[in-house]
Amino acid sequence: MHKVGRVKFTWALMAKSSGRRLRGDGLAMTGLRYGANYVWATFLRRPFTTAWTDYR
């Protein structure tokens, strides 16, 4: 996206989600997975995980 224009961070564009993933995977595992994905996406430019479990 930065090739097209400036990327602006804003709290107004939050992704809302339900607690189903927290209930299914647990708080610690969900936090570790989200943290690892953040680090991988920031520094390696690719996600840590490529698959997910649907908790519907």
C-alpha atoms as a PDB file:
ATOM      1  CA  MET A   1       0.000   0.000   0.000  1.00  0.00           C
ATOM      2  CA  HIS A   2       2.848   2.406   0.670  1.00  0.00           C
ATOM      3  CA  LYS A   3       3.740   2.285  -3.036  1.00  0.00           C
ATOM      4  CA  VAL A   4       0.387   3.904  -3.846  1.00  0.00           C
ATOM      5  CA  GLY A   5       0.510   6.562  -1.148  1.00  0.00           C
ATOM      6  CA  ARG A   6       1.111   7.317   2.501  1.00  0.00           C
ATOM      7  CA  VAL A   7      -0.279   4.785   4.977  1.00  0.00           C
ATOM      8  CA  LYS A   8      -1.926   6.331   8.025  1.00  0.00           C
ATOM      9  CA  PHE A   9      -2.617   4.444  11.271  1.00  0.00           C
ATOM     10  CA  THR A  10      -5.869   5.205  13.018  1.00  0.00           C
ATOM     11  CA  TRP A  11      -7.754   3.645  15.926  1.00  0.00           C
ATOM     12  CA  ALA A  12     -11.020   4.374  14.078  1.00  0.00           C
ATOM     13  CA  LEU A  13     -10.444   1.348  11.800  1.00  0.00           C
ATOM     14  CA  MET A  14     -10.438  -1.334  14.466  1.00  0.00           C
ATOM     15  CA  ALA A  15     -11.322  -4.897  13.495  1.00  0.00           C
ATOM     16  CA  LYS A  16     -14.032  -6.103  15.838  1.00  0.00           C
ATOM     17  CA  SER A  17     -14.212  -9.808  16.600  1.00  0.00           C
ATOM     18  CA  SER A  18     -16.082 -12.077  18.937  1.00  0.00           C
ATOM     19  CA  GLY A  19     -14.644 -14.022  21.843  1.00  0.00           C
ATOM     20  CA  ARG A  20     -15.043 -17.366  20.061  1.00  0.00           C
ATOM     21  CA  ARG A  21     -11.363 -17.565  19.126  1.00  0.00           C
ATOM     22  CA  LEU A  22     -10.323 -16.735  22.680  1.00  0.00           C
ATOM     23  CA  ARG A  23     -12.688 -19.367  24.009  1.00  0.00           C
ATOM     24  CA  GLY A  24     -11.509 -21.959  21.474  1.00  0.00           C
ATOM     25  CA  ASP A  25      -7.735 -21.407  21.558  1.00  0.00           C
ATOM     26  CA  GLY A  26      -7.322 -19.715  24.910  1.00  0.00           C
ATOM     27  CA  LEU A  27      -6.008 -16.265  25.746  1.00  0.00           C
ATOM     28  CA  ALA A  28      -2.305 -17.174  25.845  1.00  0.00           C
ATOM     29  CA  MET A  29      -2.266 -19.088  22.545  1.00  0.00           C
ATOM     30  CA  THR A  30      -4.275 -16.397  20.756  1.00  0.00           C
ATOM     31  CA  GLY A  31      -1.959 -13.684  22.075  1.00  0.00           C
ATOM     32  CA  LEU A  32       1.144 -15.622  21.035  1.00  0.00           C
ATOM     33  CA  ARG A  33      -0.248 -16.226  17.557  1.00  0.00           C
ATOM     34  CA  TYR A  34      -1.254 -12.579  17.088  1.00  0.00           C
ATOM     35  CA  GLY A  35       2.126 -11.413  18.422  1.00  0.00           C
ATOM     36  CA  ALA A  36       4.054 -13.760  16.136  1.00  0.00           C
ATOM     37  CA  ASN A  37       2.004 -12.640  13.135  1.00  0.00           C
ATOM     38  CA  TYR A  38       2.707  -9.000  13.976  1.00  0.00           C
ATOM     39  CA  VAL A  39       6.479  -9.589  14.192  1.00  0.00           C
ATOM     40  CA  TRP A  40       6.588 -11.694  11.018  1.00  0.00           C
ATOM     41  CA  ALA A  41       4.481  -9.186   9.052  1.00  0.00           C
ATOM     42  CA  THR A  42       6.512  -6.223  10.297  1.00  0.00           C
ATOM     43  CA  PHE A  43      10.006  -7.582   9.778  1.00  0.00           C
ATOM     44  CA  LEU A  44       9.716 -10.456   7.286  1.00  0.00           C
ATOM     45  CA  ARG A  45       6.826  -9.040   5.209  1.00  0.00           C
ATOM     46  CA  ARG A  46       4.844 -12.287   5.403  1.00  0.00           C
ATOM     47  CA  PRO A  47       2.474 -13.813   7.972  1.00  0.00           C
ATOM     48  CA  PHE A  48       3.591 -16.391  10.522  1.00  0.00           C
ATOM     49  CA  THR A  49       0.420 -18.450  10.090  1.00  0.00           C
ATOM     50  CA  THR A  50      -1.310 -19.161   6.788  1.00  0.00           C
ATOM     51  CA  ALA A  51      -4.237 -21.277   8.020  1.00  0.00           C
ATOM     52  CA  TRP A  52      -6.879 -20.722  10.669  1.00  0.00           C
ATOM     53  CA  THR A  53      -9.669 -22.572  12.392  1.00  0.00           C
ATOM     54  CA  ASP A  54     -13.228 -21.333  11.922  1.00  0.00           C
ATOM     55  CA  TYR A  55     -14.968 -21.049  15.310  1.00  0.00           C
ATOM     56  CA  ARG A  56     -18.575 -20.571  14.212  1.00  0.00           C
END
